[in-house]
């Protein structure tokens, strides 16, 4: 929760105009576009209703668009717009500074250990 709150403060201070949850979705799309809303919901651990609301907000901002999946018309595939790509280019250097500060405060080894422990915990919880 503290991590989420810190990121929310960061987004507010930078004037990003998005929430932590929107950033989660954008981050997924910065790594892989054209994924279904279902996969996106699983990756950000949101239910369908919540994800739909977040997607609508991101569409209103002009950052994403959805199209029918040609393989299954019931599914929507999600893509970044040019504006969404530009937002990424604007925010990425600021996020880098955010993570550099964490590294300075905690040290690289502590961060790596924390990341490993969190991934291990996630794996255990997902297979519980």
C-alpha atoms as a PDB file:
ATOM      1  CA  UNK A   1       0.000   0.000   0.000  1.00  0.00           C
ATOM      2  CA  UNK A   2       2.851   2.386   0.800  1.00  0.00           C
ATOM      3  CA  UNK A   3       4.361   1.735  -2.628  1.00  0.00           C
ATOM      4  CA  UNK A   4       1.039   2.485  -4.307  1.00  0.00           C
ATOM      5  CA  UNK A   5       0.617   5.703  -2.310  1.00  0.00           C
ATOM      6  CA  UNK A   6       4.159   6.829  -3.130  1.00  0.00           C
ATOM      7  CA  UNK A   7       3.552   6.247  -6.829  1.00  0.00           C
ATOM      8  CA  UNK A   8       0.229   8.085  -6.628  1.00  0.00           C
ATOM      9  CA  UNK A   9       2.035  11.082  -5.060  1.00  0.00           C
ATOM     10  CA  UNK A  10       4.662  10.885  -7.786  1.00  0.00           C
ATOM     11  CA  UNK A  11       1.991  10.922 -10.509  1.00  0.00           C
ATOM     12  CA  UNK A  12       0.276  13.887  -8.868  1.00  0.00           C
ATOM     13  CA  UNK A  13       3.536  15.820  -8.435  1.00  0.00           C
ATOM     14  CA  UNK A  14       4.550  15.288 -12.055  1.00  0.00           C
ATOM     15  CA  UNK A  15       1.144  16.379 -13.313  1.00  0.00           C
ATOM     16  CA  UNK A  16       0.730  13.089 -15.169  1.00  0.00           C
ATOM     17  CA  UNK A  17      -3.043  13.270 -14.849  1.00  0.00           C
ATOM     18  CA  UNK A  18      -3.494   9.536 -14.372  1.00  0.00           C
ATOM     19  CA  UNK A  19      -4.029   7.269 -11.404  1.00  0.00           C
ATOM     20  CA  UNK A  20      -1.857   4.423 -10.196  1.00  0.00           C
ATOM     21  CA  UNK A  21      -4.324   1.951 -11.725  1.00  0.00           C
ATOM     22  CA  UNK A  22      -4.159   3.707 -15.096  1.00  0.00           C
ATOM     23  CA  UNK A  23      -0.370   3.587 -14.908  1.00  0.00           C
ATOM     24  CA  UNK A  24      -0.541  -0.174 -14.365  1.00  0.00           C
ATOM     25  CA  UNK A  25      -2.519  -0.557 -17.583  1.00  0.00           C
ATOM     26  CA  UNK A  26      -0.285   1.820 -19.524  1.00  0.00           C
ATOM     27  CA  UNK A  27       2.818  -0.015 -18.284  1.00  0.00           C
ATOM     28  CA  UNK A  28       1.426  -3.314 -19.577  1.00  0.00           C
ATOM     29  CA  UNK A  29       0.723  -1.724 -22.953  1.00  0.00           C
ATOM     30  CA  UNK A  30       4.180  -0.145 -23.097  1.00  0.00           C
ATOM     31  CA  UNK A  31       5.519  -3.706 -22.937  1.00  0.00           C
ATOM     32  CA  UNK A  32       2.970  -5.407 -25.218  1.00  0.00           C
ATOM     33  CA  UNK A  33       0.187  -4.006 -27.348  1.00  0.00           C
ATOM     34  CA  UNK A  34      -2.774  -5.763 -28.887  1.00  0.00           C
ATOM     35  CA  UNK A  35      -3.520  -7.833 -25.820  1.00  0.00           C
ATOM     36  CA  UNK A  36      -7.078  -8.648 -24.854  1.00  0.00           C
ATOM     37  CA  UNK A  37      -8.876  -6.859 -22.069  1.00  0.00           C
ATOM     38  CA  UNK A  38      -9.115 -10.199 -20.258  1.00  0.00           C
ATOM     39  CA  UNK A  39      -5.341 -10.661 -20.248  1.00  0.00           C
ATOM     40  CA  UNK A  40      -4.893  -7.033 -19.241  1.00  0.00           C
ATOM     41  CA  UNK A  41      -7.347  -7.509 -16.345  1.00  0.00           C
ATOM     42  CA  UNK A  42      -5.384 -10.551 -15.155  1.00  0.00           C
ATOM     43  CA  UNK A  43      -2.037  -8.739 -15.376  1.00  0.00           C
ATOM     44  CA  UNK A  44      -3.218  -5.773 -13.327  1.00  0.00           C
ATOM     45  CA  UNK A  45      -5.406  -7.902 -11.012  1.00  0.00           C
ATOM     46  CA  UNK A  46      -8.620  -6.002 -11.735  1.00  0.00           C
ATOM     47  CA  UNK A  47     -12.102  -7.332 -12.329  1.00  0.00           C
ATOM     48  CA  UNK A  48     -13.801  -6.752 -15.678  1.00  0.00           C
ATOM     49  CA  UNK A  49     -16.018  -3.898 -14.451  1.00  0.00           C
ATOM     50  CA  UNK A  50     -13.109  -2.008 -12.921  1.00  0.00           C
ATOM     51  CA  UNK A  51     -10.949  -2.535 -16.005  1.00  0.00           C
ATOM     52  CA  UNK A  52     -13.744  -1.324 -18.290  1.00  0.00           C
ATOM     53  CA  UNK A  53     -14.010   1.887 -16.288  1.00  0.00           C
ATOM     54  CA  UNK A  54     -10.240   2.423 -16.399  1.00  0.00           C
ATOM     55  CA  UNK A  55     -10.182   1.732 -20.146  1.00  0.00           C
ATOM     56  CA  UNK A  56     -12.942   4.280 -20.733  1.00  0.00           C
ATOM     57  CA  UNK A  57     -10.966   6.894 -18.800  1.00  0.00           C
ATOM     58  CA  UNK A  58      -7.805   6.153 -20.785  1.00  0.00           C
ATOM     59  CA  UNK A  59      -9.782   6.321 -24.044  1.00  0.00           C
ATOM     60  CA  UNK A  60     -11.207   9.722 -23.011  1.00  0.00           C
ATOM     61  CA  UNK A  61      -7.657  10.944 -22.444  1.00  0.00           C
ATOM     62  CA  UNK A  62      -6.792   9.680 -25.923  1.00  0.00           C
ATOM     63  CA  UNK A  63      -4.118   7.234 -24.724  1.00  0.00           C
ATOM     64  CA  UNK A  64      -5.643   3.923 -25.831  1.00  0.00           C
ATOM     65  CA  UNK A  65      -8.135   2.462 -28.245  1.00  0.00           C
ATOM     66  CA  UNK A  66      -9.898  -0.894 -28.403  1.00  0.00           C
ATOM     67  CA  UNK A  67     -10.768  -2.990 -31.434  1.00  0.00           C
ATOM     68  CA  UNK A  68     -12.586  -6.266 -31.937  1.00  0.00           C
ATOM     69  CA  UNK A  69     -10.412  -9.341 -31.882  1.00  0.00           C
ATOM     70  CA  UNK A  70     -10.692 -10.846 -35.381  1.00  0.00           C
ATOM     71  CA  UNK A  71     -10.293 -14.320 -33.885  1.00  0.00           C
ATOM     72  CA  UNK A  72     -13.102 -13.790 -31.349  1.00  0.00           C
ATOM     73  CA  UNK A  73     -15.454 -10.859 -31.787  1.00  0.00           C
ATOM     74  CA  UNK A  74     -16.475 -11.009 -28.120  1.00  0.00           C
ATOM     75  CA  UNK A  75     -12.987  -9.888 -27.113  1.00  0.00           C
ATOM     76  CA  UNK A  76     -11.469  -6.425 -27.422  1.00  0.00           C
ATOM     77  CA  UNK A  77      -7.792  -5.888 -28.156  1.00  0.00           C
ATOM     78  CA  UNK A  78      -6.140  -2.844 -26.611  1.00  0.00           C
ATOM     79  CA  UNK A  79      -3.557  -0.589 -28.277  1.00  0.00           C
ATOM     80  CA  UNK A  80      -1.808   2.668 -27.477  1.00  0.00           C
ATOM     81  CA  UNK A  81      -2.563   5.728 -29.571  1.00  0.00           C
ATOM     82  CA  UNK A  82       0.156   8.102 -30.747  1.00  0.00           C
ATOM     83  CA  UNK A  83      -0.781  10.284 -27.792  1.00  0.00           C
ATOM     84  CA  UNK A  84      -0.332   7.265 -25.486  1.00  0.00           C
ATOM     85  CA  UNK A  85       3.116   6.655 -26.970  1.00  0.00           C
ATOM     86  CA  UNK A  86       4.007  10.337 -26.504  1.00  0.00           C
ATOM     87  CA  UNK A  87       2.828  10.144 -22.897  1.00  0.00           C
ATOM     88  CA  UNK A  88       5.169   7.187 -22.392  1.00  0.00           C
ATOM     89  CA  UNK A  89       8.090   9.155 -23.834  1.00  0.00           C
ATOM     90  CA  UNK A  90       7.271  12.037 -21.485  1.00  0.00           C
ATOM     91  CA  UNK A  91       6.782   9.940 -18.334  1.00  0.00           C
ATOM     92  CA  UNK A  92       9.554   7.342 -18.777  1.00  0.00           C
ATOM     93  CA  UNK A  93      12.468   9.643 -17.823  1.00  0.00           C
ATOM     94  CA  UNK A  94      10.589  10.804 -14.733  1.00  0.00           C
ATOM     95  CA  UNK A  95       9.846   7.232 -13.709  1.00  0.00           C
ATOM     96  CA  UNK A  96      13.537   6.450 -14.178  1.00  0.00           C
ATOM     97  CA  UNK A  97      14.418   9.222 -11.710  1.00  0.00           C
ATOM     98  CA  UNK A  98      11.842   7.825  -9.267  1.00  0.00           C
ATOM     99  CA  UNK A  99      13.438   4.370  -9.410  1.00  0.00           C
ATOM    100  CA  UNK A 100      16.956   5.800  -9.244  1.00  0.00           C
ATOM    101  CA  UNK A 101      16.020   7.498  -5.977  1.00  0.00           C
ATOM    102  CA  UNK A 102      14.797   4.178  -4.586  1.00  0.00           C
ATOM    103  CA  UNK A 103      18.070   2.602  -5.628  1.00  0.00           C
ATOM    104  CA  UNK A 104      20.079   5.371  -3.942  1.00  0.00           C
ATOM    105  CA  UNK A 105      18.064   5.067  -0.736  1.00  0.00           C
ATOM    106  CA  UNK A 106      18.009   1.259  -0.516  1.00  0.00           C
ATOM    107  CA  UNK A 107      20.931   0.127  -2.627  1.00  0.00           C
ATOM    108  CA  UNK A 108      20.834  -2.082  -5.700  1.00  0.00           C
ATOM    109  CA  UNK A 109      21.277  -5.356  -3.795  1.00  0.00           C
ATOM    110  CA  UNK A 110      18.382  -4.585  -1.434  1.00  0.00           C
ATOM    111  CA  UNK A 111      16.132  -3.707  -4.370  1.00  0.00           C
ATOM    112  CA  UNK A 112      17.043  -6.903  -6.212  1.00  0.00           C
ATOM    113  CA  UNK A 113      16.412  -8.976  -3.086  1.00  0.00           C
ATOM    114  CA  UNK A 114      13.080  -7.224  -2.502  1.00  0.00           C
ATOM    115  CA  UNK A 115      12.030  -7.820  -6.104  1.00  0.00           C
ATOM    116  CA  UNK A 116      12.968 -11.497  -5.862  1.00  0.00           C
ATOM    117  CA  UNK A 117      11.066 -11.951  -2.604  1.00  0.00           C
ATOM    118  CA  UNK A 118       7.985 -10.223  -4.000  1.00  0.00           C
ATOM    119  CA  UNK A 119       8.071 -12.372  -7.134  1.00  0.00           C
ATOM    120  CA  UNK A 120       8.454 -15.496  -5.006  1.00  0.00           C
ATOM    121  CA  UNK A 121       5.528 -14.404  -2.831  1.00  0.00           C
ATOM    122  CA  UNK A 122       3.431 -13.655  -5.913  1.00  0.00           C
ATOM    123  CA  UNK A 123       4.160 -17.106  -7.329  1.00  0.00           C
ATOM    124  CA  UNK A 124       3.203 -18.818  -4.081  1.00  0.00           C
ATOM    125  CA  UNK A 125      -0.004 -16.807  -3.781  1.00  0.00           C
ATOM    126  CA  UNK A 126      -0.985 -17.404  -7.412  1.00  0.00           C
ATOM    127  CA  UNK A 127      -0.525 -21.144  -7.033  1.00  0.00           C
ATOM    128  CA  UNK A 128      -2.187 -21.361  -3.596  1.00  0.00           C
END
